[in-house]
Amino acid sequence: MRDYFLRRLLLIPPTLLGVTILVFAITRLVPGGPLERAIMEVQQLDVQGGVSTQVAGQDMALSDAQLQRLREYYGFDKPLLESYVDWVVKLGRGDLGTSYRYNEPVLDVIVERFPVSSYYGIVTLMITYIVCIPLGVLKAIKHRTVVDNLTSMLIFVGYAIPGYALGSLLLLFFSVRLEWFPMGGFVSMAFHEKNFLDQVADLLSHSVLPLLCYLVGSFALVTLLLKNHLMDNLAADYIRTAIAKGVSFRAAVTKHAMRNSLIPIATTFGQNITLLVSGAFLIETIFDIDGFGLLGFSAILDRDYPVVMGVVLLASVLLLVGNILSDMLVALVDPRIRFS
């Protein structure tokens, strides 16, 4: 098993190489890049005095020297492969480049927003598994009872409502009409001027509505996944045999059926770990949360390619590491599994 995980770790660099090459090529080949946007801005400003040059079939009031400087600034003066090699060399030195929009190192831009998305991601994961696993067990044991039917109705209604749509409704009702919670943001403007207890209260008041939107979709998946697998295991022959031999129903559920039912939960854990940074850009937009998800979405719209590459790199690393953690959890939950 040790050799298996070592091979999985060794596969991370070539996988990242393939992902980054693909994304890097797309950023260079799609139209409407930063160079074209800069030229359009120059056109709108009606800059005079330059030498008219034909670019993409249009007359541009820019000289050849100005166009060359723009290409050098945005890194479009070199062939695709050479530009990618330069990016990899800088990455080896810990340099992800400079953001076109913020004019700051990409690493600083990402680090600045990492704690925000990490906070929501960690809290969402904790609440999801702490609540949904006991709820799934309860629904499996109380199948087709009032408790199961009521919780299923609530779960499916929540799952059917997109998080961003729910966020808009929550803001209108609880923030605008009732004024119970702030309109948005991660913390208030005077956060650093408050004492510790007031800071905690301020953070919680800003977190309630966004966390409801984050949790509304994941609740149904984890709860129903555990319930369905637990019901299958409770109907299996080995559970009936254990009960026939005198094992109590509680022990049969907790010591036998429950362990096998946790295998699919452990399998999907690696995919959920990307919540630590990815977040949901629509929810972050509605609540004005300057997190990692909104950063990546804004970078795509603004053609801020250095930030796009940094976001893709970090998200890919987390997903690959998360998949390895899932395999470890599966092996931990089910000792019969042996990777080779």
C-alpha atoms as a PDB file:
ATOM      1  CA  MET A   1       0.000   0.000   0.000  1.00  0.00           C
ATOM      2  CA  ARG A   2       2.894   2.334   0.712  1.00  0.00           C
ATOM      3  CA  ASP A   3       4.201   1.841  -2.824  1.00  0.00           C
ATOM      4  CA  TYR A   4       0.749   2.631  -4.220  1.00  0.00           C
ATOM      5  CA  PHE A   5       0.545   5.987  -2.463  1.00  0.00           C
ATOM      6  CA  LEU A   6       4.123   6.810  -3.425  1.00  0.00           C
ATOM      7  CA  ARG A   7       3.229   6.197  -7.071  1.00  0.00           C
ATOM      8  CA  ARG A   8       0.156   8.396  -6.672  1.00  0.00           C
ATOM      9  CA  LEU A   9       2.303  11.183  -5.270  1.00  0.00           C
ATOM     10  CA  LEU A  10       4.785  10.810  -8.123  1.00  0.00           C
ATOM     11  CA  LEU A  11       1.919  11.145 -10.614  1.00  0.00           C
ATOM     12  CA  ILE A  12       1.021  14.612  -9.303  1.00  0.00           C
ATOM     13  CA  PRO A  13       3.800  16.549 -11.175  1.00  0.00           C
ATOM     14  CA  PRO A  14       3.060  15.084 -14.650  1.00  0.00           C
ATOM     15  CA  THR A  15      -0.673  15.571 -14.098  1.00  0.00           C
ATOM     16  CA  LEU A  16      -0.133  19.197 -13.141  1.00  0.00           C
ATOM     17  CA  LEU A  17       2.112  19.564 -16.183  1.00  0.00           C
ATOM     18  CA  GLY A  18      -0.651  18.378 -18.494  1.00  0.00           C
ATOM     19  CA  VAL A  19      -3.323  20.545 -16.860  1.00  0.00           C
ATOM     20  CA  THR A  20      -1.214  23.703 -16.881  1.00  0.00           C
ATOM     21  CA  ILE A  21      -0.084  23.175 -20.485  1.00  0.00           C
ATOM     22  CA  LEU A  22      -3.706  22.876 -21.597  1.00  0.00           C
ATOM     23  CA  VAL A  23      -4.872  25.945 -19.673  1.00  0.00           C
ATOM     24  CA  PHE A  24      -1.806  27.951 -20.711  1.00  0.00           C
ATOM     25  CA  ALA A  25      -2.465  27.149 -24.389  1.00  0.00           C
ATOM     26  CA  ILE A  26      -6.116  28.155 -24.051  1.00  0.00           C
ATOM     27  CA  THR A  27      -5.171  31.506 -22.529  1.00  0.00           C
ATOM     28  CA  ARG A  28      -2.903  32.198 -25.485  1.00  0.00           C
ATOM     29  CA  LEU A  29      -5.284  31.056 -28.232  1.00  0.00           C
ATOM     30  CA  VAL A  30      -8.682  32.445 -27.194  1.00  0.00           C
ATOM     31  CA  PRO A  31      -9.606  35.860 -28.631  1.00  0.00           C
ATOM     32  CA  GLY A  32     -10.148  38.933 -26.519  1.00  0.00           C
ATOM     33  CA  GLY A  33      -6.950  38.615 -24.499  1.00  0.00           C
ATOM     34  CA  PRO A  34      -5.246  41.387 -22.520  1.00  0.00           C
ATOM     35  CA  LEU A  35      -3.415  42.674 -25.596  1.00  0.00           C
ATOM     36  CA  GLU A  36      -6.645  43.143 -27.539  1.00  0.00           C
ATOM     37  CA  ARG A  37      -8.302  44.728 -24.511  1.00  0.00           C
ATOM     38  CA  ALA A  38      -5.426  47.192 -24.123  1.00  0.00           C
ATOM     39  CA  ILE A  39      -5.694  48.147 -27.793  1.00  0.00           C
ATOM     40  CA  MET A  40      -9.438  48.668 -27.429  1.00  0.00           C
ATOM     41  CA  GLU A  41      -8.862  50.948 -24.451  1.00  0.00           C
ATOM     42  CA  VAL A  42      -6.386  52.957 -26.506  1.00  0.00           C
ATOM     43  CA  GLN A  43      -8.963  53.223 -29.273  1.00  0.00           C
ATOM     44  CA  GLN A  44     -11.591  54.481 -26.839  1.00  0.00           C
ATOM     45  CA  LEU A  45      -9.219  57.099 -25.486  1.00  0.00           C
ATOM     46  CA  ASP A  46      -8.528  58.188 -29.063  1.00  0.00           C
ATOM     47  CA  VAL A  47      -4.782  58.423 -28.584  1.00  0.00           C
ATOM     48  CA  GLN A  48      -3.232  60.658 -31.221  1.00  0.00           C
ATOM     49  CA  GLY A  49       0.269  60.882 -32.608  1.00  0.00           C
ATOM     50  CA  GLY A  50       0.942  57.173 -33.135  1.00  0.00           C
ATOM     51  CA  VAL A  51       1.635  55.461 -36.419  1.00  0.00           C
ATOM     52  CA  SER A  52      -1.446  53.731 -37.816  1.00  0.00           C
ATOM     53  CA  THR A  53      -0.871  49.974 -37.805  1.00  0.00           C
ATOM     54  CA  GLN A  54      -3.011  47.110 -39.051  1.00  0.00           C
ATOM     55  CA  VAL A  55      -3.816  44.647 -36.235  1.00  0.00           C
ATOM     56  CA  ALA A  56      -6.482  41.985 -36.706  1.00  0.00           C
ATOM     57  CA  GLY A  57      -7.812  43.874 -39.705  1.00  0.00           C
ATOM     58  CA  GLN A  58      -8.358  47.160 -37.821  1.00  0.00           C
ATOM     59  CA  ASP A  59      -6.570  50.475 -37.887  1.00  0.00           C
ATOM     60  CA  MET A  60      -4.843  51.061 -34.571  1.00  0.00           C
ATOM     61  CA  ALA A  61      -3.423  54.390 -33.469  1.00  0.00           C
ATOM     62  CA  LEU A  62      -0.335  52.648 -32.083  1.00  0.00           C
ATOM     63  CA  SER A  63       3.159  52.433 -33.419  1.00  0.00           C
ATOM     64  CA  ASP A  64       4.992  49.171 -33.973  1.00  0.00           C
ATOM     65  CA  ALA A  65       7.243  49.945 -31.026  1.00  0.00           C
ATOM     66  CA  GLN A  66       4.248  50.507 -28.746  1.00  0.00           C
ATOM     67  CA  LEU A  67       2.666  47.252 -29.862  1.00  0.00           C
ATOM     68  CA  GLN A  68       5.917  45.415 -29.239  1.00  0.00           C
ATOM     69  CA  ARG A  69       6.155  46.853 -25.721  1.00  0.00           C
ATOM     70  CA  LEU A  70       2.590  45.727 -25.054  1.00  0.00           C
ATOM     71  CA  ARG A  71       3.411  42.224 -26.259  1.00  0.00           C
ATOM     72  CA  GLU A  72       6.484  42.117 -24.016  1.00  0.00           C
ATOM     73  CA  TYR A  73       4.506  43.382 -21.029  1.00  0.00           C
ATOM     74  CA  TYR A  74       1.827  40.710 -21.415  1.00  0.00           C
ATOM     75  CA  GLY A  75       4.287  37.995 -22.401  1.00  0.00           C
ATOM     76  CA  PHE A  76       3.013  37.545 -25.965  1.00  0.00           C
ATOM     77  CA  ASP A  77       6.338  38.349 -27.636  1.00  0.00           C
ATOM     78  CA  LYS A  78       7.566  34.731 -27.430  1.00  0.00           C
ATOM     79  CA  PRO A  79       6.279  31.453 -28.895  1.00  0.00           C
ATOM     80  CA  LEU A  80       3.795  29.439 -26.844  1.00  0.00           C
ATOM     81  CA  LEU A  81       6.224  26.727 -25.732  1.00  0.00           C
ATOM     82  CA  GLU A  82       8.950  29.204 -24.791  1.00  0.00           C
ATOM     83  CA  SER A  83       6.477  31.286 -22.787  1.00  0.00           C
ATOM     84  CA  TYR A  84       5.280  28.189 -20.929  1.00  0.00           C
ATOM     85  CA  VAL A  85       8.848  27.142 -20.102  1.00  0.00           C
ATOM     86  CA  ASP A  86       9.499  30.633 -18.722  1.00  0.00           C
ATOM     87  CA  TRP A  87       6.372  30.340 -16.573  1.00  0.00           C
ATOM     88  CA  VAL A  88       7.482  26.950 -15.219  1.00  0.00           C
ATOM     89  CA  VAL A  89      10.970  28.294 -14.432  1.00  0.00           C
ATOM     90  CA  LYS A  90       9.447  31.208 -12.514  1.00  0.00           C
ATOM     91  CA  LEU A  91       7.113  28.782 -10.740  1.00  0.00           C
ATOM     92  CA  GLY A  92      10.137  26.811  -9.568  1.00  0.00           C
ATOM     93  CA  ARG A  93      11.380  29.991  -7.892  1.00  0.00           C
ATOM     94  CA  GLY A  94       7.998  30.562  -6.240  1.00  0.00           C
ATOM     95  CA  ASP A  95       7.006  33.303  -8.692  1.00  0.00           C
ATOM     96  CA  LEU A  96       3.534  32.991 -10.227  1.00  0.00           C
ATOM     97  CA  GLY A  97       3.870  36.215 -12.154  1.00  0.00           C
ATOM     98  CA  THR A  98       2.227  39.608 -11.749  1.00  0.00           C
ATOM     99  CA  SER A  99      -1.495  40.241 -11.978  1.00  0.00           C
ATOM    100  CA  TYR A 100      -2.552  42.439 -14.901  1.00  0.00           C
ATOM    101  CA  ARG A 101      -5.497  43.828 -12.958  1.00  0.00           C
ATOM    102  CA  TYR A 102      -4.043  44.373  -9.500  1.00  0.00           C
ATOM    103  CA  ASN A 103      -0.440  44.972 -10.602  1.00  0.00           C
ATOM    104  CA  GLU A 104       0.690  42.817  -7.672  1.00  0.00           C
ATOM    105  CA  PRO A 105       2.379  39.409  -7.455  1.00  0.00           C
ATOM    106  CA  VAL A 106      -0.152  36.663  -8.075  1.00  0.00           C
ATOM    107  CA  LEU A 107       0.966  34.820  -4.941  1.00  0.00           C
ATOM    108  CA  ASP A 108       0.160  37.875  -2.807  1.00  0.00           C
ATOM    109  CA  VAL A 109      -3.252  38.240  -4.459  1.00  0.00           C
ATOM    110  CA  ILE A 110      -4.074  34.578  -3.774  1.00  0.00           C
ATOM    111  CA  VAL A 111      -2.724  34.568  -0.208  1.00  0.00           C
ATOM    112  CA  GLU A 112      -4.793  37.653   0.593  1.00  0.00           C
ATOM    113  CA  ARG A 113      -8.018  35.852  -0.308  1.00  0.00           C
ATOM    114  CA  PHE A 114      -7.084  32.364   0.850  1.00  0.00           C
ATOM    115  CA  PRO A 115      -8.167  32.762   4.523  1.00  0.00           C
ATOM    116  CA  VAL A 116     -11.653  33.938   3.515  1.00  0.00           C
ATOM    117  CA  SER A 117     -12.460  30.930   1.335  1.00  0.00           C
ATOM    118  CA  SER A 118     -10.660  28.570   3.726  1.00  0.00           C
ATOM    119  CA  TYR A 119     -12.868  29.752   6.582  1.00  0.00           C
ATOM    120  CA  TYR A 120     -16.102  29.090   4.700  1.00  0.00           C
ATOM    121  CA  GLY A 121     -14.767  25.853   3.234  1.00  0.00           C
ATOM    122  CA  ILE A 122     -13.638  24.360   6.557  1.00  0.00           C
ATOM    123  CA  VAL A 123     -16.813  25.372   8.391  1.00  0.00           C
ATOM    124  CA  THR A 124     -18.979  24.014   5.552  1.00  0.00           C
ATOM    125  CA  LEU A 125     -17.173  20.659   5.571  1.00  0.00           C
ATOM    126  CA  MET A 126     -17.355  20.351   9.353  1.00  0.00           C
ATOM    127  CA  ILE A 127     -21.052  21.181   9.606  1.00  0.00           C
ATOM    128  CA  THR A 128     -21.912  18.966   6.622  1.00  0.00           C
ATOM    129  CA  TYR A 129     -20.323  15.815   8.009  1.00  0.00           C
ATOM    130  CA  ILE A 130     -21.222  16.464  11.660  1.00  0.00           C
ATOM    131  CA  VAL A 131     -24.915  16.940  10.832  1.00  0.00           C
ATOM    132  CA  CYS A 132     -25.454  14.808   7.745  1.00  0.00           C
ATOM    133  CA  ILE A 133     -23.904  11.544   8.984  1.00  0.00           C
ATOM    134  CA  PRO A 134     -26.159  11.279  12.093  1.00  0.00           C
ATOM    135  CA  LEU A 135     -29.101  12.493   9.998  1.00  0.00           C
ATOM    136  CA  GLY A 136     -28.446   9.821   7.371  1.00  0.00           C
ATOM    137  CA  VAL A 137     -28.323   7.129  10.053  1.00  0.00           C
ATOM    138  CA  LEU A 138     -31.575   8.406  11.572  1.00  0.00           C
ATOM    139  CA  LYS A 139     -33.325   8.436   8.192  1.00  0.00           C
ATOM    140  CA  ALA A 140     -32.172   4.893   7.418  1.00  0.00           C
ATOM    141  CA  ILE A 141     -33.407   3.540  10.763  1.00  0.00           C
ATOM    142  CA  LYS A 142     -36.665   5.546  10.617  1.00  0.00           C
ATOM    143  CA  HIS A 143     -37.318   4.827   6.943  1.00  0.00           C
ATOM    144  CA  ARG A 144     -40.824   5.785   5.749  1.00  0.00           C
ATOM    145  CA  THR A 145     -41.721   7.315   9.078  1.00  0.00           C
ATOM    146  CA  VAL A 146     -42.800  10.898   9.754  1.00  0.00           C
ATOM    147  CA  VAL A 147     -39.222  11.866  10.627  1.00  0.00           C
ATOM    148  CA  ASP A 148     -37.874  10.452   7.347  1.00  0.00           C
ATOM    149  CA  ASN A 149     -40.599  12.036   5.217  1.00  0.00           C
ATOM    150  CA  LEU A 150     -40.309  15.490   6.782  1.00  0.00           C
ATOM    151  CA  THR A 151     -36.516  15.595   6.580  1.00  0.00           C
ATOM    152  CA  SER A 152     -36.635  14.328   2.974  1.00  0.00           C
ATOM    153  CA  MET A 153     -39.005  17.154   2.029  1.00  0.00           C
ATOM    154  CA  LEU A 154     -36.720  19.748   3.584  1.00  0.00           C
ATOM    155  CA  ILE A 155     -33.607  18.217   2.016  1.00  0.00           C
ATOM    156  CA  PHE A 156     -35.057  18.043  -1.503  1.00  0.00           C
ATOM    157  CA  VAL A 157     -36.477  21.565  -1.313  1.00  0.00           C
ATOM    158  CA  GLY A 158     -33.095  22.859  -0.234  1.00  0.00           C
ATOM    159  CA  TYR A 159     -31.314  20.869  -2.921  1.00  0.00           C
ATOM    160  CA  ALA A 160     -33.657  22.223  -5.615  1.00  0.00           C
ATOM    161  CA  ILE A 161     -32.926  25.859  -4.708  1.00  0.00           C
ATOM    162  CA  PRO A 162     -29.579  27.134  -6.047  1.00  0.00           C
ATOM    163  CA  GLY A 163     -27.362  28.651  -3.399  1.00  0.00           C
ATOM    164  CA  TYR A 164     -27.132  32.026  -5.128  1.00  0.00           C
ATOM    165  CA  ALA A 165     -30.936  32.238  -5.500  1.00  0.00           C
ATOM    166  CA  LEU A 166     -31.386  31.400  -1.828  1.00  0.00           C
ATOM    167  CA  GLY A 167     -28.789  34.037  -0.976  1.00  0.00           C
ATOM    168  CA  SER A 168     -30.775  36.743  -2.755  1.00  0.00           C
ATOM    169  CA  LEU A 169     -33.946  35.780  -0.880  1.00  0.00           C
ATOM    170  CA  LEU A 170     -32.152  35.644   2.466  1.00  0.00           C
ATOM    171  CA  LEU A 171     -30.647  39.080   1.919  1.00  0.00           C
ATOM    172  CA  LEU A 172     -33.973  40.621   0.974  1.00  0.00           C
ATOM    173  CA  PHE A 173     -35.807  39.152   3.958  1.00  0.00           C
ATOM    174  CA  PHE A 174     -33.288  38.991   6.820  1.00  0.00           C
ATOM    175  CA  SER A 175     -30.992  41.897   5.898  1.00  0.00           C
ATOM    176  CA  VAL A 176     -33.196  44.410   4.098  1.00  0.00           C
ATOM    177  CA  ARG A 177     -36.589  43.827   5.670  1.00  0.00           C
ATOM    178  CA  LEU A 178     -35.809  42.553   9.172  1.00  0.00           C
ATOM    179  CA  GLU A 179     -32.267  43.990   9.437  1.00  0.00           C
ATOM    180  CA  TRP A 180     -31.104  41.011  11.492  1.00  0.00           C
ATOM    181  CA  PHE A 181     -27.897  40.411   9.549  1.00  0.00           C
ATOM    182  CA  PRO A 182     -25.439  42.597   7.595  1.00  0.00           C
ATOM    183  CA  MET A 183     -25.924  43.109   3.859  1.00  0.00           C
ATOM    184  CA  GLY A 184     -22.638  41.418   3.005  1.00  0.00           C
ATOM    185  CA  GLY A 185     -18.893  41.362   3.376  1.00  0.00           C
ATOM    186  CA  PHE A 186     -16.647  39.087   5.383  1.00  0.00           C
ATOM    187  CA  VAL A 187     -16.439  41.412   8.400  1.00  0.00           C
ATOM    188  CA  SER A 188     -17.503  44.981   9.125  1.00  0.00           C
ATOM    189  CA  MET A 189     -15.375  48.050   8.429  1.00  0.00           C
ATOM    190  CA  ALA A 190     -14.635  48.601  12.132  1.00  0.00           C
ATOM    191  CA  PHE A 191     -13.709  44.973  12.791  1.00  0.00           C
ATOM    192  CA  HIS A 192     -10.130  45.656  13.906  1.00  0.00           C
ATOM    193  CA  GLU A 193     -11.268  48.323  16.371  1.00  0.00           C
ATOM    194  CA  LYS A 194     -13.419  45.884  18.376  1.00  0.00           C
ATOM    195  CA  ASN A 195     -12.425  43.602  21.221  1.00  0.00           C
ATOM    196  CA  PHE A 196     -12.153  39.839  20.762  1.00  0.00           C
ATOM    197  CA  LEU A 197     -15.716  38.922  21.738  1.00  0.00           C
ATOM    198  CA  ASP A 198     -17.176  41.647  19.540  1.00  0.00           C
ATOM    199  CA  GLN A 199     -14.975  40.469  16.638  1.00  0.00           C
ATOM    200  CA  VAL A 200     -16.301  36.914  17.037  1.00  0.00           C
ATOM    201  CA  ALA A 201     -19.882  38.184  17.109  1.00  0.00           C
ATOM    202  CA  ASP A 202     -19.229  40.346  14.063  1.00  0.00           C
ATOM    203  CA  LEU A 203     -17.740  37.437  12.112  1.00  0.00           C
ATOM    204  CA  LEU A 204     -20.628  35.132  13.034  1.00  0.00           C
ATOM    205  CA  SER A 205     -23.241  37.692  12.041  1.00  0.00           C
ATOM    206  CA  HIS A 206     -21.612  38.023   8.610  1.00  0.00           C
ATOM    207  CA  SER A 207     -21.266  34.228   8.242  1.00  0.00           C
ATOM    208  CA  VAL A 208     -24.786  32.950   8.962  1.00  0.00           C
ATOM    209  CA  LEU A 209     -26.446  33.716   5.626  1.00  0.00           C
ATOM    210  CA  PRO A 210     -23.516  32.728   3.354  1.00  0.00           C
ATOM    211  CA  LEU A 211     -23.043  29.447   5.240  1.00  0.00           C
ATOM    212  CA  LEU A 212     -26.711  28.582   4.732  1.00  0.00           C
ATOM    213  CA  CYS A 213     -26.193  28.997   0.995  1.00  0.00           C
ATOM    214  CA  TYR A 214     -23.013  26.905   1.023  1.00  0.00           C
ATOM    215  CA  LEU A 215     -24.662  24.109   3.001  1.00  0.00           C
ATOM    216  CA  VAL A 216     -27.992  23.879   1.208  1.00  0.00           C
ATOM    217  CA  GLY A 217     -26.664  21.805  -1.697  1.00  0.00           C
ATOM    218  CA  SER A 218     -24.212  19.506   0.077  1.00  0.00           C
ATOM    219  CA  PHE A 219     -26.706  18.400   2.721  1.00  0.00           C
ATOM    220  CA  ALA A 220     -28.799  16.341   0.319  1.00  0.00           C
ATOM    221  CA  LEU A 221     -25.851  14.555  -1.304  1.00  0.00           C
ATOM    222  CA  VAL A 222     -24.128  13.374   1.877  1.00  0.00           C
ATOM    223  CA  THR A 223     -27.325  12.572   3.787  1.00  0.00           C
ATOM    224  CA  LEU A 224     -29.003  10.516   1.065  1.00  0.00           C
ATOM    225  CA  LEU A 225     -25.747   8.820   0.073  1.00  0.00           C
ATOM    226  CA  LEU A 226     -25.250   7.537   3.608  1.00  0.00           C
ATOM    227  CA  LYS A 227     -28.916   6.647   4.083  1.00  0.00           C
ATOM    228  CA  ASN A 228     -29.160   4.570   0.896  1.00  0.00           C
ATOM    229  CA  HIS A 229     -25.946   2.633   1.514  1.00  0.00           C
ATOM    230  CA  LEU A 230     -26.811   2.065   5.165  1.00  0.00           C
ATOM    231  CA  MET A 231     -30.224   0.682   4.213  1.00  0.00           C
ATOM    232  CA  ASP A 232     -28.582  -1.679   1.708  1.00  0.00           C
ATOM    233  CA  ASN A 233     -26.193  -2.928   4.363  1.00  0.00           C
ATOM    234  CA  LEU A 234     -28.945  -3.340   6.967  1.00  0.00           C
ATOM    235  CA  ALA A 235     -30.794  -5.586   4.496  1.00  0.00           C
ATOM    236  CA  ALA A 236     -27.678  -7.685   3.795  1.00  0.00           C
ATOM    237  CA  ASP A 237     -27.319 -11.279   4.983  1.00  0.00           C
ATOM    238  CA  TYR A 238     -24.381 -10.596   7.293  1.00  0.00           C
ATOM    239  CA  ILE A 239     -26.441  -8.146   9.369  1.00  0.00           C
ATOM    240  CA  ARG A 240     -29.319 -10.615   9.731  1.00  0.00           C
ATOM    241  CA  THR A 241     -26.814 -13.308  10.686  1.00  0.00           C
ATOM    242  CA  ALA A 242     -25.221 -11.054  13.318  1.00  0.00           C
ATOM    243  CA  ILE A 243     -28.617 -10.218  14.830  1.00  0.00           C
ATOM    244  CA  ALA A 244     -29.601 -13.907  14.786  1.00  0.00           C
ATOM    245  CA  LYS A 245     -26.439 -14.718  16.766  1.00  0.00           C
ATOM    246  CA  GLY A 246     -27.463 -12.305  19.506  1.00  0.00           C
ATOM    247  CA  VAL A 247     -25.829  -9.042  18.429  1.00  0.00           C
ATOM    248  CA  SER A 248     -28.017  -6.094  19.354  1.00  0.00           C
ATOM    249  CA  PHE A 249     -29.490  -3.959  16.600  1.00  0.00           C
ATOM    250  CA  ARG A 250     -27.519  -0.924  17.810  1.00  0.00           C
ATOM    251  CA  ALA A 251     -24.249  -2.862  17.660  1.00  0.00           C
ATOM    252  CA  ALA A 252     -25.121  -4.262  14.230  1.00  0.00           C
ATOM    253  CA  VAL A 253     -25.662  -0.737  12.928  1.00  0.00           C
ATOM    254  CA  THR A 254     -22.691   0.992  14.554  1.00  0.00           C
ATOM    255  CA  LYS A 255     -20.072  -1.771  14.356  1.00  0.00           C
ATOM    256  CA  HIS A 256     -20.959  -3.542  11.124  1.00  0.00           C
ATOM    257  CA  ALA A 257     -23.302  -1.741   8.718  1.00  0.00           C
ATOM    258  CA  MET A 258     -22.078   1.766   9.532  1.00  0.00           C
ATOM    259  CA  ARG A 259     -18.472   1.044   8.677  1.00  0.00           C
ATOM    260  CA  ASN A 260     -19.309  -0.311   5.245  1.00  0.00           C
ATOM    261  CA  SER A 261     -21.705   2.574   4.602  1.00  0.00           C
ATOM    262  CA  LEU A 262     -18.960   5.144   5.230  1.00  0.00           C
ATOM    263  CA  ILE A 263     -16.937   3.924   2.235  1.00  0.00           C
ATOM    264  CA  PRO A 264     -18.791   6.089  -0.365  1.00  0.00           C
ATOM    265  CA  ILE A 265     -18.595   9.053   2.020  1.00  0.00           C
ATOM    266  CA  ALA A 266     -14.826   8.607   2.249  1.00  0.00           C
ATOM    267  CA  THR A 267     -14.618   8.269  -1.534  1.00  0.00           C
ATOM    268  CA  THR A 268     -16.229  11.673  -2.140  1.00  0.00           C
ATOM    269  CA  PHE A 269     -14.255  13.453   0.580  1.00  0.00           C
ATOM    270  CA  GLY A 270     -11.382  14.278  -1.774  1.00  0.00           C
ATOM    271  CA  GLN A 271     -13.662  16.116  -4.164  1.00  0.00           C
ATOM    272  CA  ASN A 272     -15.189  18.139  -1.337  1.00  0.00           C
ATOM    273  CA  ILE A 273     -11.778  19.288  -0.129  1.00  0.00           C
ATOM    274  CA  THR A 274     -11.629  21.759  -3.029  1.00  0.00           C
ATOM    275  CA  LEU A 275     -14.256  23.736  -1.091  1.00  0.00           C
ATOM    276  CA  LEU A 276     -11.381  24.914   1.099  1.00  0.00           C
ATOM    277  CA  VAL A 277     -10.423  27.415  -1.587  1.00  0.00           C
ATOM    278  CA  SER A 278     -12.801  27.278  -4.508  1.00  0.00           C
ATOM    279  CA  GLY A 279     -15.954  28.436  -2.788  1.00  0.00           C
ATOM    280  CA  ALA A 280     -18.859  29.537  -4.987  1.00  0.00           C
ATOM    281  CA  PHE A 281     -18.271  32.703  -6.962  1.00  0.00           C
ATOM    282  CA  LEU A 282     -21.999  33.498  -7.309  1.00  0.00           C
ATOM    283  CA  ILE A 283     -22.531  33.279  -3.547  1.00  0.00           C
ATOM    284  CA  GLU A 284     -19.419  35.378  -2.973  1.00  0.00           C
ATOM    285  CA  THR A 285     -20.694  37.926  -5.493  1.00  0.00           C
ATOM    286  CA  ILE A 286     -24.121  38.214  -3.842  1.00  0.00           C
ATOM    287  CA  PHE A 287     -22.688  38.622  -0.338  1.00  0.00           C
ATOM    288  CA  ASP A 288     -19.736  40.758  -1.495  1.00  0.00           C
ATOM    289  CA  ILE A 289     -17.190  38.257  -0.149  1.00  0.00           C
ATOM    290  CA  ASP A 290     -13.791  38.790  -1.723  1.00  0.00           C
ATOM    291  CA  GLY A 291     -12.780  35.134  -1.720  1.00  0.00           C
ATOM    292  CA  PHE A 292     -10.879  32.706  -3.902  1.00  0.00           C
ATOM    293  CA  GLY A 293     -13.836  31.657  -6.051  1.00  0.00           C
ATOM    294  CA  LEU A 294     -14.717  35.228  -6.965  1.00  0.00           C
ATOM    295  CA  LEU A 295     -11.046  35.929  -7.657  1.00  0.00           C
ATOM    296  CA  GLY A 296     -10.849  33.126 -10.223  1.00  0.00           C
ATOM    297  CA  PHE A 297     -14.108  34.124 -11.904  1.00  0.00           C
ATOM    298  CA  SER A 298     -13.079  37.788 -12.107  1.00  0.00           C
ATOM    299  CA  ALA A 299      -9.670  36.813 -13.477  1.00  0.00           C
ATOM    300  CA  ILE A 300     -11.332  34.893 -16.330  1.00  0.00           C
ATOM    301  CA  LEU A 301     -13.601  37.820 -17.194  1.00  0.00           C
ATOM    302  CA  ASP A 302     -10.728  40.325 -17.006  1.00  0.00           C
ATOM    303  CA  ARG A 303      -8.353  38.025 -18.947  1.00  0.00           C
ATOM    304  CA  ASP A 304      -5.953  38.218 -16.000  1.00  0.00           C
ATOM    305  CA  TYR A 305      -4.068  35.129 -17.166  1.00  0.00           C
ATOM    306  CA  PRO A 306      -1.361  35.001 -14.458  1.00  0.00           C
ATOM    307  CA  VAL A 307      -4.093  34.857 -11.801  1.00  0.00           C
ATOM    308  CA  VAL A 308      -6.003  32.249 -13.834  1.00  0.00           C
ATOM    309  CA  MET A 309      -2.907  30.044 -13.970  1.00  0.00           C
ATOM    310  CA  GLY A 310      -2.329  30.452 -10.236  1.00  0.00           C
ATOM    311  CA  VAL A 311      -5.938  29.578  -9.401  1.00  0.00           C
ATOM    312  CA  VAL A 312      -5.917  26.531 -11.701  1.00  0.00           C
ATOM    313  CA  LEU A 313      -2.613  25.328 -10.266  1.00  0.00           C
ATOM    314  CA  LEU A 314      -3.749  25.567  -6.642  1.00  0.00           C
ATOM    315  CA  ALA A 315      -7.163  24.011  -7.324  1.00  0.00           C
ATOM    316  CA  SER A 316      -5.551  21.139  -9.246  1.00  0.00           C
ATOM    317  CA  VAL A 317      -3.079  20.426  -6.451  1.00  0.00           C
ATOM    318  CA  LEU A 318      -5.880  20.345  -3.880  1.00  0.00           C
ATOM    319  CA  LEU A 319      -7.995  18.033  -6.033  1.00  0.00           C
ATOM    320  CA  LEU A 320      -5.123  15.593  -6.607  1.00  0.00           C
ATOM    321  CA  VAL A 321      -4.123  15.583  -2.949  1.00  0.00           C
ATOM    322  CA  GLY A 322      -7.796  15.207  -2.002  1.00  0.00           C
ATOM    323  CA  ASN A 323      -8.140  12.104  -4.161  1.00  0.00           C
ATOM    324  CA  ILE A 324      -5.144  10.549  -2.421  1.00  0.00           C
ATOM    325  CA  LEU A 325      -6.677  11.385   0.962  1.00  0.00           C
ATOM    326  CA  SER A 326      -9.902   9.715  -0.183  1.00  0.00           C
ATOM    327  CA  ASP A 327      -8.006   6.512  -0.971  1.00  0.00           C
ATOM    328  CA  MET A 328      -6.380   6.645   2.452  1.00  0.00           C
ATOM    329  CA  LEU A 329      -9.736   7.108   4.172  1.00  0.00           C
ATOM    330  CA  VAL A 330     -11.271   4.237   2.203  1.00  0.00           C
ATOM    331  CA  ALA A 331      -8.401   1.954   3.258  1.00  0.00           C
ATOM    332  CA  LEU A 332      -8.801   3.138   6.856  1.00  0.00           C
ATOM    333  CA  VAL A 333     -12.563   2.528   6.912  1.00  0.00           C
ATOM    334  CA  ASP A 334     -12.416  -0.848   5.176  1.00  0.00           C
ATOM    335  CA  PRO A 335      -9.350  -2.944   6.179  1.00  0.00           C
ATOM    336  CA  ARG A 336     -10.199  -5.472   3.436  1.00  0.00           C
ATOM    337  CA  ILE A 337      -9.087  -2.990   0.789  1.00  0.00           C
ATOM    338  CA  ARG A 338      -5.460  -3.317  -0.254  1.00  0.00           C
ATOM    339  CA  PHE A 339      -3.981  -1.103  -2.932  1.00  0.00           C
ATOM    340  CA  SER A 340      -1.275  -2.608  -5.088  1.00  0.00           C
END
